[in-house]
Amino acid sequence: MSAIILTHEALAEIDWQIYKPSEDKPGYLTFVRCMTLQEFNDAIRTKMPKALAERLDYWGSSNAVYKKDGMKDSLSGPEKDSDTTMTRLLIQWEPGTSEGYYVHVYASTPKAPVLRCVWMAKTFEAQAAIALSLCLQCWIGNDGRAMRHATAEIVGKMTFA
């Protein structure tokens, strides 16, 4: 299996909140919506380094993994008016209760403060779980652009054997 090399380009962020230029205020942006689960899944699929994807047992939107409907639902939730700029994504990796390691992306909004799993992956390698969680932090982390860029600078110099 080849080493996982994370380049700075591969760690560029995913714009999961979609904005358009404001009609009222030139130079400002207006929130339109969050990505759908399908768009989010496709964006991660595009970004995922091949060497990392090869080390995952499975991965994708939790709806796709569990073969549920709802891939057109927003990351904010399935409700009609759930899209909000206040959506927060949380990335967590953890050992499984019986085997392997899991990486989850959870969404939370003021209307639905309970964490809802929107994406997940499973691997049998701790290094792959850590590498994936670092990638996700760079792609979608909520801690501001400066933090994401700093994380990408550091992680972009690492190689996971």
Protein backbone atom coordinates (compact mmCIF):
# COMPACT_ATOMS: atom_id res chain seq x y z
CA MET A 1 0.00 0.00 0.00
CA SER A 2 1.34 3.44 -0.90
CA ALA A 3 2.06 6.18 1.62
CA ILE A 4 -0.58 8.84 2.23
CA ILE A 5 0.96 12.13 1.13
CA LEU A 6 -1.22 15.14 1.86
CA THR A 7 -0.34 18.08 -0.35
CA HIS A 8 -1.44 21.64 0.41
CA GLU A 9 -3.54 21.63 -2.77
CA ALA A 10 -5.37 18.46 -1.69
CA LEU A 11 -6.24 20.15 1.61
CA ALA A 12 -7.99 23.19 0.12
CA GLU A 13 -11.34 23.79 1.77
CA ILE A 14 -14.77 22.68 0.59
CA ASP A 15 -17.28 25.53 0.42
CA TRP A 16 -20.17 23.61 1.96
CA GLN A 17 -22.11 26.80 2.65
CA ILE A 18 -23.20 28.36 -0.64
CA TYR A 19 -23.32 32.14 -1.00
CA LYS A 20 -24.11 34.54 -3.85
CA PRO A 21 -23.28 38.24 -4.32
CA SER A 22 -25.72 40.45 -2.44
CA GLU A 23 -28.12 42.40 -4.65
CA ASP A 24 -28.61 45.06 -1.95
CA LYS A 25 -25.02 45.57 -0.82
CA PRO A 26 -22.24 45.46 -3.43
CA GLY A 27 -19.19 43.61 -2.12
CA TYR A 28 -21.24 41.54 0.35
CA LEU A 29 -22.39 37.95 0.09
CA THR A 30 -25.83 36.51 0.86
CA PHE A 31 -26.24 33.00 2.24
CA VAL A 32 -28.18 30.76 -0.18
CA ARG A 33 -28.06 27.28 1.37
CA CYS A 34 -25.85 24.50 2.67
CA MET A 35 -24.77 21.68 0.36
CA THR A 36 -27.01 18.64 0.11
CA LEU A 37 -25.72 15.37 1.51
CA GLN A 38 -25.07 14.21 -2.07
CA GLU A 39 -23.10 17.36 -2.95
CA PHE A 40 -21.11 17.04 0.28
CA ASN A 41 -20.37 13.37 -0.39
CA ASP A 42 -19.29 14.17 -3.98
CA ALA A 43 -17.04 17.03 -2.80
CA ILE A 44 -15.25 14.74 -0.33
CA ARG A 45 -14.96 12.02 -2.99
CA THR A 46 -13.24 14.55 -5.27
CA LYS A 47 -10.82 15.67 -2.54
CA MET A 48 -10.00 12.26 -1.05
CA PRO A 49 -6.39 11.24 -1.79
CA LYS A 50 -6.38 7.83 -3.50
CA ALA A 51 -3.87 6.38 -1.03
CA LEU A 52 -6.19 7.36 1.83
CA ALA A 53 -9.37 6.08 0.16
CA GLU A 54 -7.66 2.70 -0.36
CA ARG A 55 -7.20 2.36 3.40
CA LEU A 56 -10.87 2.91 4.21
CA ASP A 57 -13.21 -0.05 4.55
CA TYR A 58 -16.17 2.14 3.58
CA TRP A 59 -17.05 5.82 3.56
CA GLY A 60 -19.71 8.27 2.49
CA SER A 61 -22.83 10.04 3.62
CA SER A 62 -24.40 8.15 6.49
CA ASN A 63 -27.61 8.00 4.44
CA ALA A 64 -25.73 6.35 1.57
CA VAL A 65 -23.86 3.94 3.88
CA TYR A 66 -27.12 2.86 5.51
CA LYS A 67 -29.01 2.97 2.18
CA LYS A 68 -31.55 5.51 3.42
CA ASP A 69 -33.33 8.17 1.41
CA GLY A 70 -32.51 11.79 1.92
CA MET A 71 -29.36 12.39 -0.15
CA LYS A 72 -31.05 15.59 -1.38
CA ASP A 73 -31.46 16.81 2.22
CA SER A 74 -29.39 19.79 3.29
CA LEU A 75 -26.45 19.35 5.65
CA SER A 76 -28.54 21.54 7.99
CA GLY A 77 -31.32 18.97 8.06
CA PRO A 78 -34.27 17.56 6.15
CA GLU A 79 -36.73 20.27 7.20
CA LYS A 80 -37.86 22.68 4.50
CA ASP A 81 -36.56 25.78 6.30
CA SER A 82 -33.55 24.19 8.00
CA ASP A 83 -30.80 25.85 5.94
CA THR A 84 -28.94 28.27 8.13
CA THR A 85 -25.59 30.00 8.36
CA MET A 86 -25.55 28.76 11.95
CA THR A 87 -24.94 25.15 10.86
CA ARG A 88 -21.84 23.74 12.55
CA LEU A 89 -19.97 20.61 11.50
CA LEU A 90 -18.04 18.55 14.04
CA ILE A 91 -15.37 16.04 13.06
CA GLN A 92 -14.64 13.11 15.38
CA TRP A 93 -12.63 9.92 15.08
CA GLU A 94 -12.82 7.09 17.56
CA PRO A 95 -12.03 3.41 17.96
CA GLY A 96 -14.91 1.04 17.23
CA THR A 97 -16.40 -0.95 20.06
CA SER A 98 -15.36 -4.25 18.51
CA GLU A 99 -13.01 -3.44 15.62
CA GLY A 100 -11.45 -0.69 13.56
CA TYR A 101 -11.73 3.07 13.74
CA TYR A 102 -14.54 5.39 12.71
CA VAL A 103 -14.49 8.97 11.50
CA HIS A 104 -17.77 10.90 11.69
CA VAL A 105 -18.94 14.32 10.58
CA TYR A 106 -21.88 15.56 12.63
CA ALA A 107 -24.10 18.57 11.90
CA SER A 108 -25.84 20.77 14.44
CA THR A 109 -28.07 23.82 14.07
CA PRO A 110 -29.98 26.01 16.55
CA LYS A 111 -33.22 24.37 15.33
CA ALA A 112 -31.77 20.87 15.71
CA PRO A 113 -29.02 21.09 18.35
CA VAL A 114 -28.72 17.31 18.58
CA LEU A 115 -25.70 16.07 16.63
CA ARG A 116 -26.79 14.37 13.41
CA CYS A 117 -24.30 12.14 11.57
CA VAL A 118 -24.02 13.37 7.96
CA TRP A 119 -20.87 11.52 6.82
CA MET A 120 -18.81 8.61 8.08
CA ALA A 121 -15.90 6.32 7.29
CA LYS A 122 -14.43 3.12 8.73
CA THR A 123 -10.85 1.92 8.62
CA PHE A 124 -8.76 -0.70 10.38
CA GLU A 125 -5.75 1.66 10.61
CA ALA A 126 -5.44 4.32 13.31
CA GLN A 127 -3.10 6.37 11.07
CA ALA A 128 -5.70 6.44 8.29
CA ALA A 129 -8.38 7.60 10.76
CA ILE A 130 -6.10 10.38 12.01
CA ALA A 131 -5.08 11.40 8.47
CA LEU A 132 -8.74 11.51 7.39
CA SER A 133 -9.81 13.55 10.41
CA LEU A 134 -7.02 16.05 9.67
CA CYS A 135 -8.11 16.23 6.02
CA LEU A 136 -11.71 16.84 7.08
CA GLN A 137 -10.55 19.55 9.49
CA CYS A 138 -8.85 21.32 6.58
CA TRP A 139 -11.77 20.77 4.19
CA ILE A 140 -14.71 21.68 6.41
CA GLY A 141 -13.55 22.76 9.87
CA ASN A 142 -15.60 25.47 11.58
CA ASP A 143 -12.71 27.19 13.30
CA GLY A 144 -12.13 29.88 10.70
CA ARG A 145 -10.10 30.17 7.54
CA ALA A 146 -6.88 31.10 9.33
CA MET A 147 -7.01 27.91 11.42
CA ARG A 148 -7.85 25.75 8.39
CA HIS A 149 -4.97 27.27 6.41
CA ALA A 150 -2.55 26.78 9.31
CA THR A 151 -3.69 23.16 9.70
CA ALA A 152 -3.26 22.60 5.95
CA GLU A 153 0.26 24.08 6.07
CA ILE A 154 1.27 21.69 8.86
CA VAL A 155 -0.51 18.59 7.55
CA GLY A 156 0.68 19.27 3.99
CA LYS A 157 4.22 18.52 5.18
CA MET A 158 3.32 15.14 6.72
CA THR A 159 3.51 11.69 5.20
CA PHE A 160 1.57 8.77 6.68
CA ALA A 161 3.39 5.54 5.86
